[in-house]
Amino acid sequence: MLDLNPFPVTRATINRDFKDKAMDDSEHDELAAMDDPEFLAERRRVRDLLEHTPEYDAGPELTARYEALNDEFIRRARIAWAQAGQEVNR
């Protein structure tokens, strides 16, 4: 059968991409320093990897990276909502 998956993902690929990506302050700083388009592109890339990787091959590094990206997404959304609320109350 012909494999049409445009995202050939293996444990080796994931480990190579996310090796030594511990959840620490430096990763949080890295995500916070990204501009919005760069951040959204990274989040999309990691989400695509997760969606096209069998659950047993995803590994803790990839899952932790996506969780960190989601936390940063929520942080940015809170800031945007707070700013929007302040503008409405003026």
C-alpha atoms as a PDB file:
ATOM      1  CA  MET A   1       0.000   0.000   0.000  1.00  0.00           C
ATOM      2  CA  LEU A   2       1.258   3.481  -0.870  1.00  0.00           C
ATOM      3  CA  ASP A   3       1.896   5.713   2.151  1.00  0.00           C
ATOM      4  CA  LEU A   4       0.440   9.154   1.433  1.00  0.00           C
ATOM      5  CA  ASN A   5       1.248  10.634   4.845  1.00  0.00           C
ATOM      6  CA  PRO A   6       2.974  14.006   4.231  1.00  0.00           C
ATOM      7  CA  PHE A   7       4.277  13.929   7.811  1.00  0.00           C
ATOM      8  CA  PRO A   8       6.362  10.786   8.172  1.00  0.00           C
ATOM      9  CA  VAL A   9       6.991  10.746  11.899  1.00  0.00           C
ATOM     10  CA  THR A  10       8.971   8.262  13.892  1.00  0.00           C
ATOM     11  CA  ARG A  11      10.204   8.248  17.452  1.00  0.00           C
ATOM     12  CA  ALA A  12      13.674   9.100  16.106  1.00  0.00           C
ATOM     13  CA  THR A  13      12.312  12.197  14.343  1.00  0.00           C
ATOM     14  CA  ILE A  14      10.529  13.377  17.450  1.00  0.00           C
ATOM     15  CA  ASN A  15      13.485  12.742  19.702  1.00  0.00           C
ATOM     16  CA  ARG A  16      15.757  14.604  17.302  1.00  0.00           C
ATOM     17  CA  ASP A  17      13.414  17.585  17.134  1.00  0.00           C
ATOM     18  CA  PHE A  18      12.701  17.804  20.848  1.00  0.00           C
ATOM     19  CA  LYS A  19      15.835  16.416  22.462  1.00  0.00           C
ATOM     20  CA  ASP A  20      16.865  18.329  25.557  1.00  0.00           C
ATOM     21  CA  LYS A  21      13.663  20.422  25.492  1.00  0.00           C
ATOM     22  CA  ALA A  22      12.930  20.309  29.215  1.00  0.00           C
ATOM     23  CA  MET A  23      10.051  22.308  30.598  1.00  0.00           C
ATOM     24  CA  ASP A  24      11.924  25.048  32.380  1.00  0.00           C
ATOM     25  CA  ASP A  25      12.114  28.814  32.578  1.00  0.00           C
ATOM     26  CA  SER A  26      14.309  29.054  29.489  1.00  0.00           C
ATOM     27  CA  GLU A  27      11.645  27.367  27.346  1.00  0.00           C
ATOM     28  CA  HIS A  28       8.970  29.642  28.788  1.00  0.00           C
ATOM     29  CA  ASP A  29      11.189  32.634  27.991  1.00  0.00           C
ATOM     30  CA  GLU A  30      11.733  31.308  24.465  1.00  0.00           C
ATOM     31  CA  LEU A  31       7.994  31.008  23.828  1.00  0.00           C
ATOM     32  CA  ALA A  32       7.230  34.391  25.402  1.00  0.00           C
ATOM     33  CA  ALA A  33       9.875  36.035  23.198  1.00  0.00           C
ATOM     34  CA  MET A  34       8.340  34.754  19.942  1.00  0.00           C
ATOM     35  CA  ASP A  35       6.174  37.175  17.999  1.00  0.00           C
ATOM     36  CA  ASP A  36       2.610  36.029  17.321  1.00  0.00           C
ATOM     37  CA  PRO A  37       3.115  34.642  13.780  1.00  0.00           C
ATOM     38  CA  GLU A  38       6.257  32.745  14.824  1.00  0.00           C
ATOM     39  CA  PHE A  39       4.546  31.395  17.937  1.00  0.00           C
ATOM     40  CA  LEU A  40       1.443  30.259  16.026  1.00  0.00           C
ATOM     41  CA  ALA A  41       3.593  28.569  13.372  1.00  0.00           C
ATOM     42  CA  GLU A  42       5.491  26.624  16.064  1.00  0.00           C
ATOM     43  CA  ARG A  43       2.248  25.630  17.773  1.00  0.00           C
ATOM     44  CA  ARG A  44       0.806  24.472  14.439  1.00  0.00           C
ATOM     45  CA  ARG A  45       3.983  22.491  13.653  1.00  0.00           C
ATOM     46  CA  VAL A  46       3.928  20.678  16.994  1.00  0.00           C
ATOM     47  CA  ARG A  47       0.170  20.051  16.777  1.00  0.00           C
ATOM     48  CA  ASP A  48       0.622  18.548  13.282  1.00  0.00           C
ATOM     49  CA  LEU A  49       3.347  16.271  14.602  1.00  0.00           C
ATOM     50  CA  LEU A  50       1.085  15.088  17.412  1.00  0.00           C
ATOM     51  CA  GLU A  51      -1.859  14.544  15.079  1.00  0.00           C
ATOM     52  CA  HIS A  52       0.213  12.420  12.696  1.00  0.00           C
ATOM     53  CA  THR A  53       2.089  10.399  15.308  1.00  0.00           C
ATOM     54  CA  PRO A  54       0.714   7.239  16.862  1.00  0.00           C
ATOM     55  CA  GLU A  55      -0.078   7.875  20.542  1.00  0.00           C
ATOM     56  CA  TYR A  56       2.524   5.373  21.750  1.00  0.00           C
ATOM     57  CA  ASP A  57       5.244   7.087  19.669  1.00  0.00           C
ATOM     58  CA  ALA A  58       4.564  10.695  20.661  1.00  0.00           C
ATOM     59  CA  GLY A  59       6.851  10.660  23.667  1.00  0.00           C
ATOM     60  CA  PRO A  60       6.887  12.952  26.682  1.00  0.00           C
ATOM     61  CA  GLU A  61       9.051  15.632  25.036  1.00  0.00           C
ATOM     62  CA  LEU A  62       6.565  16.347  22.269  1.00  0.00           C
ATOM     63  CA  THR A  63       3.607  16.275  24.633  1.00  0.00           C
ATOM     64  CA  ALA A  64       5.357  18.603  27.088  1.00  0.00           C
ATOM     65  CA  ARG A  65       6.249  21.008  24.283  1.00  0.00           C
ATOM     66  CA  TYR A  66       2.613  21.160  23.134  1.00  0.00           C
ATOM     67  CA  GLU A  67       1.430  21.710  26.712  1.00  0.00           C
ATOM     68  CA  ALA A  68       3.911  24.592  27.074  1.00  0.00           C
ATOM     69  CA  LEU A  69       2.670  26.076  23.797  1.00  0.00           C
ATOM     70  CA  ASN A  70      -0.934  25.802  25.006  1.00  0.00           C
ATOM     71  CA  ASP A  71      -0.043  27.493  28.296  1.00  0.00           C
ATOM     72  CA  GLU A  72       1.598  30.336  26.380  1.00  0.00           C
ATOM     73  CA  PHE A  73      -1.425  30.558  24.064  1.00  0.00           C
ATOM     74  CA  ILE A  74      -3.739  30.928  27.067  1.00  0.00           C
ATOM     75  CA  ARG A  75      -1.442  33.529  28.631  1.00  0.00           C
ATOM     76  CA  ARG A  76      -1.492  35.598  25.433  1.00  0.00           C
ATOM     77  CA  ALA A  77      -5.276  35.259  25.133  1.00  0.00           C
ATOM     78  CA  ARG A  78      -5.763  36.513  28.694  1.00  0.00           C
ATOM     79  CA  ILE A  79      -3.641  39.563  27.954  1.00  0.00           C
ATOM     80  CA  ALA A  80      -5.581  40.285  24.753  1.00  0.00           C
ATOM     81  CA  TRP A  81      -8.945  39.907  26.507  1.00  0.00           C
ATOM     82  CA  ALA A  82      -7.834  42.143  29.380  1.00  0.00           C
ATOM     83  CA  GLN A  83      -6.697  44.823  26.949  1.00  0.00           C
ATOM     84  CA  ALA A  84      -9.940  44.571  24.980  1.00  0.00           C
ATOM     85  CA  GLY A  85     -11.960  44.888  28.186  1.00  0.00           C
ATOM     86  CA  GLN A  86     -10.029  47.995  29.212  1.00  0.00           C
ATOM     87  CA  GLU A  87     -10.692  49.645  25.832  1.00  0.00           C
ATOM     88  CA  VAL A  88     -14.430  48.952  26.104  1.00  0.00           C
ATOM     89  CA  ASN A  89     -14.580  50.487  29.593  1.00  0.00           C
ATOM     90  CA  ARG A  90     -12.973  53.766  28.493  1.00  0.00           C
END
